[in-house]
Structures are given as C-alpha cells and as structure tokens.
Amino acid sequence: MAELLIKEGESANIYQSVATITYSNSYSITEHGIFSAQTDGILLDRSKFNAINVDPNDSIRFTYKLTVNSGG
C-alpha cells in the first residue's frame, strides 16, 4: 500500500513528493524512484542506498524535493 502527497515545497520553485509505502512481505529496499506517471511513466530520478530491511506491516516514508530556477 502506498500513500503519496505531492505539494509545493518551501517556495514555488520547489516540487516535493512524500510517499509512505507499507509492505505486506519482507524485502530489502535498496532504491527509490520518481516517475512522471503512475503507469508507463518516465523515470525522473533514481536514488540508490544501503539496504533497508522491512518486514510485513513495516513502512518507509520517502521525501523527494526538486528545486528549479525561477524564470527558466
């Protein structure tokens, strides 16, 4: 199960997404990605990290912030 919140960050030029993912099985989580759509989306950013081991009913909250220059 996943819960996703997309909002403006501290200012208008910050895109922020916050996702809380609850796992139903045991996994070793080693990466996080941001896609342009829920299905068939384009990978916008990928983060790899040391393994976070989860068991059933554990959850992880991922926060991603993208800052862009205003006036582009």
PDB file of N, CA and C in Angstrom:
ATOM      1  N   MET A   1       0.843  -1.171   0.000  1.00  0.00           N
ATOM      2  CA  MET A   1       0.000   0.000   0.000  1.00  0.00           C
ATOM      3  C   MET A   1       0.891   1.238   0.000  1.00  0.00           C
ATOM      4  N   ALA A   2       0.529   2.237  -0.780  1.00  0.00           N
ATOM      5  CA  ALA A   2       1.307   3.459  -0.847  1.00  0.00           C
ATOM      6  C   ALA A   2       0.400   4.666  -0.690  1.00  0.00           C
ATOM      7  N   GLU A   3       0.909   5.654  -0.003  1.00  0.00           N
ATOM      8  CA  GLU A   3       0.224   6.935   0.156  1.00  0.00           C
ATOM      9  C   GLU A   3       1.157   7.989  -0.412  1.00  0.00           C
ATOM     10  N   LEU A   4       0.667   8.819  -1.329  1.00  0.00           N
ATOM     11  CA  LEU A   4       1.508   9.811  -1.995  1.00  0.00           C
ATOM     12  C   LEU A   4       0.922  11.195  -1.818  1.00  0.00           C
ATOM     13  N   LEU A   5       1.778  12.138  -1.440  1.00  0.00           N
ATOM     14  CA  LEU A   5       1.404  13.535  -1.303  1.00  0.00           C
ATOM     15  C   LEU A   5       2.347  14.347  -2.165  1.00  0.00           C
ATOM     16  N   ILE A   6       1.816  15.109  -3.101  1.00  0.00           N
ATOM     17  CA  ILE A   6       2.628  15.979  -3.946  1.00  0.00           C
ATOM     18  C   ILE A   6       2.213  17.404  -3.631  1.00  0.00           C
ATOM     19  N   LYS A   7       3.202  18.242  -3.336  1.00  0.00           N
ATOM     20  CA  LYS A   7       2.869  19.611  -2.976  1.00  0.00           C
ATOM     21  C   LYS A   7       4.026  20.532  -3.290  1.00  0.00           C
ATOM     22  N   GLU A   8       3.735  21.810  -3.228  1.00  0.00           N
ATOM     23  CA  GLU A   8       4.782  22.813  -3.360  1.00  0.00           C
ATOM     24  C   GLU A   8       5.641  22.745  -2.109  1.00  0.00           C
ATOM     25  N   GLY A   9       6.952  22.881  -2.286  1.00  0.00           N
ATOM     26  CA  GLY A   9       7.860  22.856  -1.146  1.00  0.00           C
ATOM     27  C   GLY A   9       7.852  24.188  -0.421  1.00  0.00           C
ATOM     28  N   GLU A  10       9.004  24.562   0.121  1.00  0.00           N
ATOM     29  CA  GLU A  10       9.110  25.788   0.898  1.00  0.00           C
ATOM     30  C   GLU A  10       8.861  27.035   0.052  1.00  0.00           C
ATOM     31  N   SER A  11       9.018  26.919  -1.261  1.00  0.00           N
ATOM     32  CA  SER A  11       8.745  28.035  -2.167  1.00  0.00           C
ATOM     33  C   SER A  11       8.160  27.485  -3.456  1.00  0.00           C
ATOM     34  N   ALA A  12       7.711  28.380  -4.340  1.00  0.00           N
ATOM     35  CA  ALA A  12       7.025  27.966  -5.562  1.00  0.00           C
ATOM     36  C   ALA A  12       7.926  27.217  -6.533  1.00  0.00           C
ATOM     37  N   ASN A  13       9.241  27.341  -6.404  1.00  0.00           N
ATOM     38  CA  ASN A  13      10.138  26.650  -7.337  1.00  0.00           C
ATOM     39  C   ASN A  13      10.649  25.321  -6.780  1.00  0.00           C
ATOM     40  N   ILE A  14       9.998  24.811  -5.738  1.00  0.00           N
ATOM     41  CA  ILE A  14      10.363  23.507  -5.171  1.00  0.00           C
ATOM     42  C   ILE A  14       9.184  22.550  -5.331  1.00  0.00           C
ATOM     43  N   TYR A  15       9.431  21.455  -6.071  1.00  0.00           N
ATOM     44  CA  TYR A  15       8.452  20.376  -6.224  1.00  0.00           C
ATOM     45  C   TYR A  15       8.782  19.354  -5.139  1.00  0.00           C
ATOM     46  N   GLN A  16       7.796  18.942  -4.389  1.00  0.00           N
ATOM     47  CA  GLN A  16       8.035  17.984  -3.310  1.00  0.00           C
ATOM     48  C   GLN A  16       7.033  16.846  -3.381  1.00  0.00           C
ATOM     49  N   SER A  17       7.521  15.629  -3.282  1.00  0.00           N
ATOM     50  CA  SER A  17       6.629  14.479  -3.161  1.00  0.00           C
ATOM     51  C   SER A  17       7.006  13.723  -1.898  1.00  0.00           C
ATOM     52  N   VAL A  18       5.992  13.260  -1.202  1.00  0.00           N
ATOM     53  CA  VAL A  18       6.180  12.470   0.007  1.00  0.00           C
ATOM     54  C   VAL A  18       5.363  11.199  -0.172  1.00  0.00           C
ATOM     55  N   ALA A  19       6.020  10.051  -0.122  1.00  0.00           N
ATOM     56  CA  ALA A  19       5.330   8.768  -0.288  1.00  0.00           C
ATOM     57  C   ALA A  19       5.606   7.884   0.915  1.00  0.00           C
ATOM     58  N   THR A  20       4.559   7.337   1.486  1.00  0.00           N
ATOM     59  CA  THR A  20       4.689   6.357   2.556  1.00  0.00           C
ATOM     60  C   THR A  20       4.262   5.016   1.992  1.00  0.00           C
ATOM     61  N   ILE A  21       5.161   4.065   2.028  1.00  0.00           N
ATOM     62  CA  ILE A  21       4.897   2.740   1.471  1.00  0.00           C
ATOM     63  C   ILE A  21       4.876   1.732   2.616  1.00  0.00           C
ATOM     64  N   THR A  22       3.788   0.993   2.722  1.00  0.00           N
ATOM     65  CA  THR A  22       3.646  -0.069   3.720  1.00  0.00           C
ATOM     66  C   THR A  22       3.783  -1.404   3.007  1.00  0.00           C
ATOM     67  N   TYR A  23       4.612  -2.267   3.532  1.00  0.00           N
ATOM     68  CA  TYR A  23       4.946  -3.530   2.869  1.00  0.00           C
ATOM     69  C   TYR A  23       4.148  -4.687   3.459  1.00  0.00           C
ATOM     70  N   SER A  24       3.753  -5.611   2.586  1.00  0.00           N
ATOM     71  CA  SER A  24       2.978  -6.777   3.023  1.00  0.00           C
ATOM     72  C   SER A  24       3.854  -8.015   3.172  1.00  0.00           C
ATOM     73  N   ASN A  25       5.103  -7.932   2.690  1.00  0.00           N
ATOM     74  CA  ASN A  25       6.059  -9.035   2.805  1.00  0.00           C
ATOM     75  C   ASN A  25       7.405  -8.485   3.241  1.00  0.00           C
ATOM     76  N   SER A  26       8.361  -9.364   3.487  1.00  0.00           N
ATOM     77  CA  SER A  26       9.723  -8.956   3.836  1.00  0.00           C
ATOM     78  C   SER A  26      10.503  -8.643   2.560  1.00  0.00           C
ATOM     79  N   TYR A  27      11.217  -7.515   2.572  1.00  0.00           N
ATOM     80  CA  TYR A  27      12.027  -7.099   1.431  1.00  0.00           C
ATOM     81  C   TYR A  27      13.291  -6.427   1.932  1.00  0.00           C
ATOM     82  N   SER A  28      14.226  -6.278   1.023  1.00  0.00           N
ATOM     83  CA  SER A  28      15.423  -5.492   1.251  1.00  0.00           C
ATOM     84  C   SER A  28      15.368  -4.335   0.249  1.00  0.00           C
ATOM     85  N   ILE A  29      15.019  -3.145   0.721  1.00  0.00           N
ATOM     86  CA  ILE A  29      14.807  -1.986  -0.151  1.00  0.00           C
ATOM     87  C   ILE A  29      16.146  -1.288  -0.381  1.00  0.00           C
ATOM     88  N   THR A  30      16.504  -1.091  -1.651  1.00  0.00           N
ATOM     89  CA  THR A  30      17.809  -0.504  -1.977  1.00  0.00           C
ATOM     90  C   THR A  30      17.728   0.687  -2.930  1.00  0.00           C
ATOM     91  N   GLU A  31      16.525   1.070  -3.369  1.00  0.00           N
ATOM     92  CA  GLU A  31      16.417   2.220  -4.257  1.00  0.00           C
ATOM     93  C   GLU A  31      15.028   2.833  -4.209  1.00  0.00           C
ATOM     94  N   HIS A  32      14.956   4.055  -4.684  1.00  0.00           N
ATOM     95  CA  HIS A  32      13.723   4.832  -4.702  1.00  0.00           C
ATOM     96  C   HIS A  32      13.692   5.590  -6.019  1.00  0.00           C
ATOM     97  N   GLY A  33      12.535   5.661  -6.674  1.00  0.00           N
ATOM     98  CA  GLY A  33      12.444   6.363  -7.952  1.00  0.00           C
ATOM     99  C   GLY A  33      11.231   7.264  -8.017  1.00  0.00           C
ATOM    100  N   ILE A  34      11.361   8.316  -8.809  1.00  0.00           N
ATOM    101  CA  ILE A  34      10.260   9.235  -9.083  1.00  0.00           C
ATOM    102  C   ILE A  34       9.925   9.089 -10.562  1.00  0.00           C
ATOM    103  N   PHE A  35       8.658   8.832 -10.861  1.00  0.00           N
ATOM    104  CA  PHE A  35       8.204   8.650 -12.239  1.00  0.00           C
ATOM    105  C   PHE A  35       7.223   9.758 -12.621  1.00  0.00           C
ATOM    106  N   SER A  36       7.089   9.986 -13.908  1.00  0.00           N
ATOM    107  CA  SER A  36       6.200  11.041 -14.409  1.00  0.00           C
ATOM    108  C   SER A  36       4.725  10.642 -14.385  1.00  0.00           C
ATOM    109  N   ALA A  37       4.424   9.355 -14.204  1.00  0.00           N
ATOM    110  CA  ALA A  37       3.044   8.871 -14.160  1.00  0.00           C
ATOM    111  C   ALA A  37       2.992   7.594 -13.346  1.00  0.00           C
ATOM    112  N   GLN A  38       1.790   7.225 -12.906  1.00  0.00           N
ATOM    113  CA  GLN A  38       1.625   6.023 -12.093  1.00  0.00           C
ATOM    114  C   GLN A  38       1.925   4.754 -12.878  1.00  0.00           C
ATOM    115  N   THR A  39       1.564   4.719 -14.158  1.00  0.00           N
ATOM    116  CA  THR A  39       1.882   3.583 -15.015  1.00  0.00           C
ATOM    117  C   THR A  39       2.506   4.110 -16.302  1.00  0.00           C
ATOM    118  N   ASP A  40       3.437   3.365 -16.853  1.00  0.00           N
ATOM    119  CA  ASP A  40       4.120   3.720 -18.104  1.00  0.00           C
ATOM    120  C   ASP A  40       4.782   5.100 -18.048  1.00  0.00           C
ATOM    121  N   GLY A  41       5.197   5.532 -16.862  1.00  0.00           N
ATOM    122  CA  GLY A  41       5.822   6.842 -16.717  1.00  0.00           C
ATOM    123  C   GLY A  41       7.301   6.818 -17.058  1.00  0.00           C
ATOM    124  N   ILE A  42       7.869   7.989 -17.169  1.00  0.00           N
ATOM    125  CA  ILE A  42       9.299   8.165 -17.417  1.00  0.00           C
ATOM    126  C   ILE A  42       9.994   8.329 -16.071  1.00  0.00           C
ATOM    127  N   LEU A  43      11.112   7.640 -15.876  1.00  0.00           N
ATOM    128  CA  LEU A  43      11.880   7.760 -14.646  1.00  0.00           C
ATOM    129  C   LEU A  43      12.531   9.136 -14.609  1.00  0.00           C
ATOM    130  N   LEU A  44      12.179   9.948 -13.616  1.00  0.00           N
ATOM    131  CA  LEU A  44      12.708  11.299 -13.482  1.00  0.00           C
ATOM    132  C   LEU A  44      13.934  11.353 -12.576  1.00  0.00           C
ATOM    133  N   ASP A  45      13.960  10.515 -11.544  1.00  0.00           N
ATOM    134  CA  ASP A  45      15.085  10.487 -10.614  1.00  0.00           C
ATOM    135  C   ASP A  45      15.135   9.120  -9.937  1.00  0.00           C
ATOM    136  N   ARG A  46      16.352   8.658  -9.696  1.00  0.00           N
ATOM    137  CA  ARG A  46      16.558   7.369  -9.037  1.00  0.00           C
ATOM    138  C   ARG A  46      17.603   7.540  -7.953  1.00  0.00           C
ATOM    139  N   SER A  47      17.302   7.055  -6.759  1.00  0.00           N
ATOM    140  CA  SER A  47      18.228   7.102  -5.639  1.00  0.00           C
ATOM    141  C   SER A  47      18.538   5.679  -5.199  1.00  0.00           C
ATOM    142  N   LYS A  48      19.825   5.357  -5.064  1.00  0.00           N
ATOM    143  CA  LYS A  48      20.239   4.048  -4.557  1.00  0.00           C
ATOM    144  C   LYS A  48      20.884   4.259  -3.193  1.00  0.00           C
ATOM    145  N   PHE A  49      20.678   3.309  -2.278  1.00  0.00           N
ATOM    146  CA  PHE A  49      21.198   3.436  -0.919  1.00  0.00           C
ATOM    147  C   PHE A  49      21.413   2.054  -0.323  1.00  0.00           C
ATOM    148  N   ASN A  50      22.077   2.018   0.819  1.00  0.00           N
ATOM    149  CA  ASN A  50      22.276   0.754   1.521  1.00  0.00           C
ATOM    150  C   ASN A  50      20.921   0.164   1.900  1.00  0.00           C
ATOM    151  N   ALA A  51      20.865  -1.143   1.975  1.00  0.00           N
ATOM    152  CA  ALA A  51      19.609  -1.858   2.183  1.00  0.00           C
ATOM    153  C   ALA A  51      18.892  -1.440   3.471  1.00  0.00           C
ATOM    154  N   ILE A  52      17.584  -1.242   3.323  1.00  0.00           N
ATOM    155  CA  ILE A  52      16.681  -1.069   4.455  1.00  0.00           C
ATOM    156  C   ILE A  52      15.802  -2.311   4.461  1.00  0.00           C
ATOM    157  N   ASN A  53      15.935  -3.139   5.487  1.00  0.00           N
ATOM    158  CA  ASN A  53      15.161  -4.376   5.566  1.00  0.00           C
ATOM    159  C   ASN A  53      13.812  -4.088   6.206  1.00  0.00           C
ATOM    160  N   VAL A  54      12.760  -4.557   5.549  1.00  0.00           N
ATOM    161  CA  VAL A  54      11.406  -4.381   6.069  1.00  0.00           C
ATOM    162  C   VAL A  54      10.725  -5.734   6.233  1.00  0.00           C
ATOM    163  N   ASP A  55       9.839  -5.796   7.185  1.00  0.00           N
ATOM    164  CA  ASP A  55       9.016  -6.968   7.443  1.00  0.00           C
ATOM    165  C   ASP A  55       7.565  -6.599   7.144  1.00  0.00           C
ATOM    166  N   PRO A  56       6.666  -7.588   7.090  1.00  0.00           N
ATOM    167  CA  PRO A  56       5.259  -7.267   6.851  1.00  0.00           C
ATOM    168  C   PRO A  56       4.752  -6.200   7.820  1.00  0.00           C
ATOM    169  N   ASN A  57       3.999  -5.239   7.291  1.00  0.00           N
ATOM    170  CA  ASN A  57       3.403  -4.114   8.021  1.00  0.00           C
ATOM    171  C   ASN A  57       4.388  -2.997   8.366  1.00  0.00           C
ATOM    172  N   ASP A  58       5.681  -3.140   8.017  1.00  0.00           N
ATOM    173  CA  ASP A  58       6.624  -2.029   8.159  1.00  0.00           C
ATOM    174  C   ASP A  58       6.324  -1.006   7.068  1.00  0.00           C
ATOM    175  N   SER A  59       6.698   0.242   7.309  1.00  0.00           N
ATOM    176  CA  SER A  59       6.532   1.267   6.283  1.00  0.00           C
ATOM    177  C   SER A  59       7.762   2.159   6.228  1.00  0.00           C
ATOM    178  N   ILE A  60       7.967   2.751   5.070  1.00  0.00           N
ATOM    179  CA  ILE A  60       9.055   3.711   4.854  1.00  0.00           C
ATOM    180  C   ILE A  60       8.429   4.956   4.249  1.00  0.00           C
ATOM    181  N   ARG A  61       8.855   6.116   4.706  1.00  0.00           N
ATOM    182  CA  ARG A  61       8.413   7.381   4.108  1.00  0.00           C
ATOM    183  C   ARG A  61       9.585   7.969   3.325  1.00  0.00           C
ATOM    184  N   PHE A  62       9.363   8.182   2.028  1.00  0.00           N
ATOM    185  CA  PHE A  62      10.353   8.787   1.148  1.00  0.00           C
ATOM    186  C   PHE A  62       9.926  10.230   0.856  1.00  0.00           C
ATOM    187  N   THR A  63      10.838  11.168   1.013  1.00  0.00           N
ATOM    188  CA  THR A  63      10.588  12.569   0.643  1.00  0.00           C
ATOM    189  C   THR A  63      11.584  12.957  -0.428  1.00  0.00           C
ATOM    190  N   TYR A  64      11.076  13.526  -1.512  1.00  0.00           N
ATOM    191  CA  TYR A  64      11.909  13.956  -2.624  1.00  0.00           C
ATOM    192  C   TYR A  64      11.603  15.418  -2.895  1.00  0.00           C
ATOM    193  N   LYS A  65      12.663  16.235  -3.020  1.00  0.00           N
ATOM    194  CA  LYS A  65      12.491  17.653  -3.351  1.00  0.00           C
ATOM    195  C   LYS A  65      13.326  17.984  -4.584  1.00  0.00           C
ATOM    196  N   LEU A  66      12.690  18.650  -5.534  1.00  0.00           N
ATOM    197  CA  LEU A  66      13.364  19.116  -6.743  1.00  0.00           C
ATOM    198  C   LEU A  66      13.251  20.634  -6.779  1.00  0.00           C
ATOM    199  N   THR A  67      14.399  21.305  -6.833  1.00  0.00           N
ATOM    200  CA  THR A  67      14.415  22.762  -6.902  1.00  0.00           C
ATOM    201  C   THR A  67      14.798  23.174  -8.315  1.00  0.00           C
ATOM    202  N   VAL A  68      14.003  24.060  -8.899  1.00  0.00           N
ATOM    203  CA  VAL A  68      14.269  24.563 -10.250  1.00  0.00           C
ATOM    204  C   VAL A  68      14.422  26.075 -10.181  1.00  0.00           C
ATOM    205  N   ASN A  69      15.214  26.620 -11.091  1.00  0.00           N
ATOM    206  CA  ASN A  69      15.386  28.064 -11.151  1.00  0.00           C
ATOM    207  C   ASN A  69      14.115  28.706 -11.648  1.00  0.00           C
ATOM    208  N   SER A  70      13.710  29.790 -11.019  1.00  0.00           N
ATOM    209  CA  SER A  70      12.509  30.502 -11.478  1.00  0.00           C
ATOM    210  C   SER A  70      12.847  31.305 -12.725  1.00  0.00           C
ATOM    211  N   GLY A  71      11.868  31.447 -13.595  1.00  0.00           N
ATOM    212  CA  GLY A  71      12.056  32.210 -14.817  1.00  0.00           C
ATOM    213  C   GLY A  71      12.723  31.457 -15.943  1.00  0.00           C
ATOM    214  N   GLY A  72      13.091  30.185 -15.695  1.00  0.00           N
ATOM    215  CA  GLY A  72      13.589  29.219 -16.577  1.00  0.00           C
ATOM    216  C   GLY A  72      14.413  29.402 -17.690  1.00  0.00           C
TER     217      GLY A  72
END
